[in-house]
Amino acid sequence: MFVVGGESLIDLVPVSAEPGAERVAHAGGSPFNCAIALSKLGNQTGFLCPISQDEYGDVLLAPLAEAGVSVLLEGRVEAPTTRAIVSFNAKMQASYVFERGADRAFTRNSLLAALPEQVDLYQIGGFCPILEEDAVVWADVVDAAAERGATISIDINVRDKLIADEAGYRARLSQFLDKAHLVKLSDEDHAWLEPGRSVEDHAAALLARPHCELVVVTMGEEGSRAFSRASNAAAPIYAPEVFGDTVGAGDSLMAGILTWLEEAGALKPGALAALDASQLQAMLRFGAVVAGINCSRIGCQPPSRAEVNAVLAA
């Protein structure tokens, strides 16, 4: 089973980029989105995050059930659902302001008890390093997954508006990065984490960590890049005929990459490090199609495997 641990929330999304535009509630959160995308691509997937008893909790559970994602924490919590207030720029690229709640309503024992005995892939959510009291618990969950044989991935997904202690966040993030075999980040994450440093140097520094064997960097409209210990490659975006917005694009791409790696027999230490340029390009192309189809819709609505196959076959 693939397990994604981290936040779920409600995105309050404006219907346009105009000031004061009406907002619509969409289920979201990067780990939540990725879990749904993984399941829709055909992977057995579990999601590890508390779900609120409030009405927004019902909104979150519906797409998980529709996609066939296993909700690993079965009991719902009293804390209100975490919310993200979304804004768009002129290119309909999203930014967020967060009000946290139920995504933090866990205990070490509850998370460890919910972790399956067999975990093939465990993905660390971007909120996990933000607060010290949360990070120490999530770190134990990651270690438990690794002990059960899981490959560890992380989508860094910096949310600077939530970071009150930058030095502490950087230290906690570094500890999670030391556990990961696969690291994904955006060009915006890169610019925040390593201002003035080249993407190539940043990727090399990540690959020099104890376990990291593959780094993927999304570059917005410029596509994506990948760096293994053996090679590197780049791929353009897949631009759909009709564009909606970019909400969940990175999460969808990550799900596509993990799916491609699993099917190629490469989602394991050693195999990740050995990926050559042609394999990396094929992996990025698959992820780009998953992300591009998602961008043809409003909000995060990852594609089915059949939709992805149809584009790849065209």
Protein backbone atom coordinates (compact mmCIF):
# COMPACT_ATOMS: atom_id res chain seq x y z
CA MET A 1 0.00 0.00 0.00
CA PHE A 2 0.98 3.60 -0.65
CA VAL A 3 0.41 5.76 2.44
CA VAL A 4 0.28 9.55 2.33
CA GLY A 5 0.49 11.28 5.71
CA GLY A 6 -0.32 14.92 6.35
CA GLU A 7 -2.94 17.60 5.98
CA SER A 8 -6.40 17.67 4.51
CA LEU A 9 -8.32 20.93 4.34
CA ILE A 10 -11.00 22.90 2.58
CA ASP A 11 -9.87 25.28 -0.16
CA LEU A 12 -12.13 28.32 -0.35
CA VAL A 13 -11.54 29.13 -4.00
CA PRO A 14 -12.65 32.31 -5.82
CA VAL A 15 -14.52 31.75 -9.06
CA SER A 16 -12.24 34.27 -10.81
CA ALA A 17 -9.17 36.42 -10.19
CA GLU A 18 -11.37 39.52 -9.75
CA PRO A 19 -11.23 41.15 -6.27
CA GLY A 20 -14.17 40.15 -4.09
CA ALA A 21 -15.11 37.19 -6.29
CA GLU A 22 -17.42 34.58 -4.79
CA ARG A 23 -15.61 31.64 -3.13
CA VAL A 24 -16.53 27.98 -3.52
CA ALA A 25 -15.48 25.22 -1.07
CA HIS A 26 -13.30 22.46 -2.52
CA ALA A 27 -11.74 19.54 -0.68
CA GLY A 28 -7.95 19.88 -0.72
CA GLY A 29 -4.57 19.77 0.96
CA SER A 30 -1.47 18.52 -0.83
CA PRO A 31 -1.31 15.05 0.79
CA PHE A 32 -5.09 14.65 0.43
CA ASN A 33 -4.88 15.55 -3.27
CA CYS A 34 -1.93 13.24 -3.85
CA ALA A 35 -3.66 10.30 -2.16
CA ILE A 36 -6.71 10.72 -4.39
CA ALA A 37 -4.56 11.07 -7.51
CA LEU A 38 -2.57 7.94 -6.60
CA SER A 39 -5.73 5.90 -6.11
CA LYS A 40 -7.31 7.14 -9.35
CA LEU A 41 -4.17 6.05 -11.17
CA GLY A 42 -4.66 2.51 -9.90
CA ASN A 43 -2.60 2.34 -6.70
CA GLN A 44 -3.86 0.91 -3.40
CA THR A 45 -3.64 4.04 -1.27
CA GLY A 46 -4.21 4.98 2.35
CA PHE A 47 -4.55 8.50 3.75
CA LEU A 48 -3.29 9.24 7.27
CA CYS A 49 -4.92 12.40 8.63
CA PRO A 50 -7.67 13.18 11.18
CA ILE A 51 -11.04 14.13 9.68
CA SER A 52 -13.38 16.52 11.49
CA GLN A 53 -16.94 15.76 12.57
CA ASP A 54 -18.07 19.05 11.01
CA GLU A 55 -19.80 19.44 7.64
CA TYR A 56 -16.52 20.13 5.89
CA GLY A 57 -15.32 16.76 7.14
CA ASP A 58 -18.15 15.21 5.12
CA VAL A 59 -16.93 17.19 2.11
CA LEU A 60 -13.44 15.70 2.55
CA LEU A 61 -14.61 12.13 2.97
CA ALA A 62 -16.71 12.09 -0.22
CA PRO A 63 -13.88 12.34 -2.80
CA LEU A 64 -11.69 9.96 -0.77
CA ALA A 65 -14.46 7.38 -0.91
CA GLU A 66 -15.15 8.05 -4.59
CA ALA A 67 -11.48 7.52 -5.45
CA GLY A 68 -11.23 4.37 -3.33
CA VAL A 69 -8.72 5.80 -0.82
CA SER A 70 -8.58 4.02 2.55
CA VAL A 71 -9.11 6.49 5.42
CA LEU A 72 -6.67 5.05 7.94
CA LEU A 73 -7.84 7.08 10.95
CA GLU A 74 -11.43 5.91 11.25
CA GLY A 75 -12.65 7.96 14.21
CA ARG A 76 -13.54 11.57 13.40
CA VAL A 77 -12.34 14.44 15.62
CA GLU A 78 -14.08 17.42 17.18
CA ALA A 79 -11.60 20.03 15.91
CA PRO A 80 -12.90 22.07 12.94
CA THR A 81 -11.65 21.29 9.46
CA THR A 82 -8.52 23.17 8.44
CA ARG A 83 -9.24 25.84 5.81
CA ALA A 84 -7.16 27.50 3.08
CA ILE A 85 -8.26 30.84 1.68
CA VAL A 86 -7.15 30.74 -1.96
CA SER A 87 -6.29 33.72 -4.17
CA PHE A 88 -5.27 33.76 -7.83
CA ASN A 89 -2.93 36.01 -9.79
CA ALA A 90 -3.57 37.04 -13.40
CA LYS A 91 -2.26 33.65 -14.64
CA MET A 92 -4.67 31.84 -12.26
CA GLN A 93 -1.75 30.59 -10.16
CA ALA A 94 -2.88 29.97 -6.60
CA SER A 95 -1.64 31.35 -3.26
CA TYR A 96 -3.01 30.43 0.17
CA VAL A 97 -3.76 31.70 3.69
CA PHE A 98 -4.39 28.92 6.22
CA GLU A 99 -6.56 28.41 9.30
CA ARG A 100 -5.47 25.11 10.87
CA GLY A 101 -7.64 22.73 12.89
CA ALA A 102 -8.41 19.03 12.48
CA ASP A 103 -5.23 18.19 10.56
CA ARG A 104 -3.35 18.60 13.88
CA ALA A 105 -5.82 16.62 16.04
CA PHE A 106 -3.71 13.47 16.29
CA THR A 107 -1.53 11.66 18.81
CA ARG A 108 1.58 9.58 18.28
CA ASN A 109 -0.31 6.45 19.33
CA SER A 110 -3.25 7.13 17.02
CA LEU A 111 -1.04 7.60 13.96
CA LEU A 112 1.20 4.60 14.68
CA ALA A 113 -1.80 2.36 15.36
CA ALA A 114 -3.35 3.36 12.03
CA LEU A 115 -0.20 2.73 9.97
CA PRO A 116 -0.60 -0.49 7.94
CA GLU A 117 1.76 -3.39 8.57
CA GLN A 118 2.82 -3.38 4.92
CA VAL A 119 3.78 0.01 3.48
CA ASP A 120 5.44 0.12 0.07
CA LEU A 121 5.63 3.91 -0.14
CA TYR A 122 5.21 6.51 2.57
CA GLN A 123 4.89 10.17 1.55
CA ILE A 124 5.62 12.97 4.03
CA GLY A 125 3.25 15.94 3.83
CA GLY A 126 4.49 19.51 3.60
CA PHE A 127 2.89 20.65 6.87
CA CYS A 128 4.69 17.99 8.94
CA PRO A 129 7.86 20.03 9.71
CA ILE A 130 6.09 23.32 10.43
CA LEU A 131 5.50 22.93 14.20
CA GLU A 132 7.95 21.19 16.52
CA GLU A 133 5.30 19.30 18.49
CA ASP A 134 3.85 17.90 15.27
CA ALA A 135 7.19 17.16 13.63
CA VAL A 136 8.43 14.87 16.39
CA VAL A 137 5.30 12.73 16.04
CA TRP A 138 5.37 12.60 12.25
CA ALA A 139 9.08 11.72 12.35
CA ASP A 140 8.25 8.64 14.43
CA VAL A 141 5.59 7.65 11.88
CA VAL A 142 8.10 7.99 9.03
CA ASP A 143 10.61 5.86 10.93
CA ALA A 144 7.95 3.21 11.57
CA ALA A 145 7.06 3.14 7.86
CA ALA A 146 10.73 2.81 6.92
CA GLU A 147 11.11 -0.09 9.36
CA ARG A 148 8.23 -1.79 7.53
CA GLY A 149 10.14 -1.53 4.26
CA ALA A 150 8.64 1.64 2.80
CA THR A 151 10.36 3.86 0.30
CA ILE A 152 10.09 7.40 1.69
CA SER A 153 9.11 10.41 -0.41
CA ILE A 154 8.50 14.03 0.51
CA ASP A 155 6.82 16.93 -1.27
CA ILE A 156 8.45 19.93 0.43
CA ASN A 157 5.65 22.36 -0.43
CA VAL A 158 6.86 25.34 1.66
CA ARG A 159 4.00 27.35 3.17
CA ASP A 160 5.86 30.41 4.40
CA LYS A 161 2.74 32.09 5.81
CA LEU A 162 2.50 29.27 8.37
CA ILE A 163 6.17 29.43 9.40
CA ALA A 164 6.68 31.53 12.53
CA ASP A 165 10.12 30.07 13.34
CA GLU A 166 12.12 29.88 10.13
CA ALA A 167 15.30 28.49 11.69
CA GLY A 168 13.35 25.80 13.51
CA TYR A 169 11.38 24.93 10.38
CA ARG A 170 14.54 24.60 8.32
CA ALA A 171 16.10 22.31 10.93
CA ARG A 172 13.00 20.11 11.13
CA LEU A 173 12.66 19.99 7.35
CA SER A 174 16.30 18.95 7.12
CA GLN A 175 15.62 16.03 9.45
CA PHE A 176 12.77 14.84 7.23
CA LEU A 177 14.89 15.29 4.10
CA ASP A 178 17.51 13.03 5.66
CA LYS A 179 14.89 10.26 5.81
CA ALA A 180 13.65 10.60 2.20
CA HIS A 181 14.65 8.58 -0.86
CA LEU A 182 12.71 10.86 -3.23
CA VAL A 183 12.35 14.63 -2.84
CA LYS A 184 9.97 16.83 -4.84
CA LEU A 185 9.96 20.61 -4.71
CA SER A 186 8.76 23.49 -6.85
CA ASP A 187 10.85 26.32 -8.23
CA GLU A 188 9.14 28.52 -5.61
CA ASP A 189 10.22 26.11 -2.85
CA HIS A 190 13.74 26.21 -4.27
CA ALA A 191 13.83 30.02 -4.33
CA TRP A 192 12.67 30.21 -0.71
CA LEU A 193 15.00 27.50 0.58
CA GLU A 194 18.13 28.31 -1.43
CA PRO A 195 17.91 31.89 -2.78
CA GLY A 196 20.66 32.62 -5.27
CA ARG A 197 21.65 28.97 -5.68
CA SER A 198 21.18 27.09 -8.93
CA VAL A 199 18.63 24.29 -9.18
CA GLU A 200 21.46 21.95 -10.20
CA ASP A 201 23.47 22.72 -7.07
CA HIS A 202 20.41 22.39 -4.85
CA ALA A 203 19.57 19.01 -6.38
CA ALA A 204 23.16 17.85 -5.89
CA ALA A 205 23.04 18.88 -2.23
CA LEU A 206 19.80 16.93 -1.74
CA LEU A 207 21.27 13.87 -3.47
CA ALA A 208 24.23 14.06 -1.07
CA ARG A 209 21.91 13.41 1.89
CA PRO A 210 21.96 9.94 3.48
CA HIS A 211 19.08 8.34 1.54
CA CYS A 212 18.07 10.68 -1.29
CA GLU A 213 18.38 9.13 -4.76
CA LEU A 214 15.91 11.16 -6.85
CA VAL A 215 15.02 14.86 -6.90
CA VAL A 216 12.14 16.30 -8.94
CA VAL A 217 11.74 20.05 -9.43
CA THR A 218 8.61 21.55 -10.98
CA MET A 219 9.21 24.77 -12.90
CA GLY A 220 5.70 26.07 -13.54
CA GLU A 221 5.10 26.78 -17.22
CA GLU A 222 8.68 25.71 -17.99
CA GLY A 223 7.94 22.07 -17.15
CA SER A 224 9.85 19.88 -14.73
CA ARG A 225 13.33 18.53 -14.12
CA ALA A 226 14.61 15.36 -12.48
CA PHE A 227 17.99 14.44 -11.05
CA SER A 228 19.06 10.93 -10.05
CA ARG A 229 22.51 9.94 -8.89
CA ALA A 230 23.13 8.62 -12.41
CA SER A 231 21.66 11.28 -14.70
CA ASN A 232 19.20 14.14 -15.17
CA ALA A 233 16.44 15.13 -17.59
CA ALA A 234 13.75 17.71 -18.29
CA ALA A 235 10.27 17.62 -19.78
CA PRO A 236 7.74 20.28 -20.82
CA ILE A 237 4.27 20.67 -19.38
CA TYR A 238 1.30 19.00 -20.98
CA ALA A 239 -1.00 21.91 -21.88
CA PRO A 240 -4.68 20.91 -22.07
CA GLU A 241 -6.93 22.42 -24.73
CA VAL A 242 -9.07 24.08 -22.05
CA PHE A 243 -7.34 25.54 -18.98
CA GLY A 244 -9.00 25.71 -15.56
CA ASP A 245 -6.45 26.49 -12.83
CA THR A 246 -3.29 25.11 -11.25
CA VAL A 247 -4.77 23.92 -7.94
CA GLY A 248 -3.35 20.47 -7.20
CA ALA A 249 -1.11 20.37 -10.27
CA GLY A 250 2.01 19.56 -8.29
CA ASP A 251 0.19 16.93 -6.24
CA SER A 252 -1.10 15.29 -9.40
CA LEU A 253 2.37 15.34 -10.96
CA MET A 254 3.82 13.73 -7.84
CA ALA A 255 1.21 10.96 -8.00
CA GLY A 256 2.06 10.40 -11.64
CA ILE A 257 5.77 10.13 -10.90
CA LEU A 258 5.23 7.66 -8.06
CA THR A 259 2.92 5.59 -10.27
CA TRP A 260 5.41 5.50 -13.13
CA LEU A 261 8.22 4.50 -10.78
CA GLU A 262 6.17 1.71 -9.22
CA GLU A 263 5.20 0.28 -12.59
CA ALA A 264 8.80 0.52 -13.82
CA GLY A 265 10.00 -1.43 -10.78
CA ALA A 266 12.07 1.57 -9.75
CA LEU A 267 10.30 2.75 -6.58
CA LYS A 268 12.95 1.38 -4.26
CA PRO A 269 16.41 2.37 -3.05
CA GLY A 270 19.11 1.56 -5.57
CA ALA A 271 16.72 1.56 -8.52
CA LEU A 272 15.91 5.25 -7.98
CA ALA A 273 19.59 6.16 -7.98
CA ALA A 274 20.22 4.30 -11.25
CA LEU A 275 17.50 5.98 -13.34
CA ASP A 276 18.98 7.17 -16.64
CA ALA A 277 18.03 10.20 -18.73
CA SER A 278 15.50 8.39 -20.91
CA GLN A 279 13.77 6.88 -17.89
CA LEU A 280 13.68 10.22 -16.10
CA GLN A 281 12.20 11.91 -19.16
CA ALA A 282 9.50 9.22 -19.51
CA MET A 283 8.71 9.57 -15.80
CA LEU A 284 8.39 13.35 -16.08
CA ARG A 285 6.24 13.06 -19.21
CA PHE A 286 3.82 10.74 -17.41
CA GLY A 287 3.64 13.12 -14.44
CA ALA A 288 3.15 16.12 -16.73
CA VAL A 289 0.16 14.51 -18.41
CA VAL A 290 -1.45 13.73 -15.04
CA ALA A 291 -0.87 17.34 -13.93
CA GLY A 292 -2.00 18.83 -17.24
CA ILE A 293 -5.31 17.00 -17.27
CA ASN A 294 -5.90 18.19 -13.70
CA CYS A 295 -5.24 21.77 -14.87
CA SER A 296 -8.05 21.47 -17.40
CA ARG A 297 -10.49 21.61 -14.48
CA ILE A 298 -11.39 24.00 -11.66
CA GLY A 299 -9.87 22.93 -8.35
CA CYS A 300 -7.94 19.73 -7.83
CA GLN A 301 -9.64 16.98 -9.85
CA PRO A 302 -6.95 14.43 -10.76
CA PRO A 303 -7.52 12.27 -13.83
CA SER A 304 -8.33 8.58 -14.04
CA ARG A 305 -5.75 6.21 -15.45
CA ALA A 306 -7.88 5.82 -18.57
CA GLU A 307 -7.73 9.57 -19.22
CA VAL A 308 -3.95 9.57 -18.86
CA ASN A 309 -3.58 6.54 -21.13
CA ALA A 310 -5.72 8.22 -23.79
CA VAL A 311 -3.44 11.26 -23.90
CA LEU A 312 -0.25 9.18 -23.93
CA ALA A 313 -1.61 7.05 -26.77
CA ALA A 314 -2.61 10.05 -28.91
